Amino acid sequence: MTTGRNFKSAFVPLLLIWLALHAVVLAALLGMKFLLTKSAVLAMLLVAGIVFLISRFRALPRTHSPVI
């Protein structure tokens, strides 16, 4: 009976270390994902704003088709 208890006492710290390492890796990957996503969205908004302010586009006149 003592062998099972020794195995359990040796297994729990290894399991906790394994879970902690995976939590750190997951946090790093998700943090990088959201940081890059937020940066990409901000960059697209910035470029769209600059293009909107700099470009001199004119609205095309609408041609209305007669209602039949």
Protein backbone atom coordinates (compact mmCIF):
# COMPACT_ATOMS: atom_id res chain seq x y z
CA MET A 1 0.00 0.00 0.00
CA THR A 2 2.88 2.39 0.56
CA THR A 3 4.03 2.10 -3.05
CA GLY A 4 0.77 3.61 -4.31
CA ARG A 5 1.06 6.49 -1.89
CA ASN A 6 4.69 7.12 -2.88
CA PHE A 7 3.72 7.08 -6.54
CA LYS A 8 0.90 9.54 -5.89
CA SER A 9 3.14 11.86 -3.89
CA ALA A 10 5.72 11.88 -6.71
CA PHE A 11 3.10 12.28 -9.43
CA VAL A 12 1.27 15.33 -8.06
CA PRO A 13 4.22 17.80 -8.22
CA LEU A 14 5.04 16.66 -11.76
CA LEU A 15 1.42 17.16 -12.77
CA LEU A 16 1.38 20.64 -11.24
CA ILE A 17 4.60 21.60 -13.03
CA TRP A 18 3.20 20.27 -16.32
CA LEU A 19 -0.02 22.26 -15.89
CA ALA A 20 1.88 25.42 -14.94
CA LEU A 21 4.14 25.17 -17.99
CA HIS A 22 1.17 24.70 -20.30
CA ALA A 23 -0.60 27.66 -18.69
CA VAL A 24 2.44 29.86 -19.35
CA VAL A 25 2.72 28.71 -22.97
CA LEU A 26 -1.00 29.22 -23.55
CA ALA A 27 -0.92 32.69 -21.98
CA ALA A 28 2.06 33.67 -24.14
CA LEU A 29 0.42 32.43 -27.34
CA LEU A 30 -2.94 34.07 -26.63
CA GLY A 31 -1.28 37.31 -25.53
CA MET A 32 0.74 37.42 -28.73
CA LYS A 33 -2.34 36.64 -30.80
CA PHE A 34 -4.43 39.42 -29.28
CA LEU A 35 -1.56 41.90 -29.33
CA LEU A 36 -0.91 41.28 -33.02
CA THR A 37 -4.64 41.36 -33.81
CA LYS A 38 -5.11 44.65 -31.98
CA SER A 39 -2.05 46.12 -33.72
CA ALA A 40 -3.30 44.99 -37.14
CA VAL A 41 -6.76 46.50 -36.57
CA LEU A 42 -5.26 49.79 -35.39
CA ALA A 43 -2.90 49.89 -38.37
CA MET A 44 -5.78 49.28 -40.81
CA LEU A 45 -7.86 52.02 -39.18
CA LEU A 46 -4.93 54.41 -39.29
CA VAL A 47 -4.25 53.71 -42.97
CA ALA A 48 -7.96 54.01 -43.81
CA GLY A 49 -8.14 57.36 -41.98
CA ILE A 50 -5.07 58.70 -43.76
CA VAL A 51 -6.38 57.58 -47.17
CA PHE A 52 -9.76 59.15 -46.41
CA LEU A 53 -8.17 62.46 -45.38
CA ILE A 54 -5.58 62.66 -48.17
CA SER A 55 -7.49 61.36 -51.17
CA ARG A 56 -9.62 63.79 -53.12
CA PHE A 57 -12.38 61.69 -54.48
CA ARG A 58 -15.60 63.05 -55.87
CA ALA A 59 -18.95 61.41 -55.66
CA LEU A 60 -20.19 60.11 -58.98
CA PRO A 61 -23.49 61.60 -60.05
CA ARG A 62 -26.33 59.14 -59.82
CA THR A 63 -28.27 58.29 -62.91
CA HIS A 64 -31.84 57.53 -61.95
CA SER A 65 -33.58 54.98 -64.08
CA PRO A 66 -37.20 55.80 -64.89
CA VAL A 67 -39.72 53.90 -62.85
CA ILE A 68 -41.93 51.78 -65.06
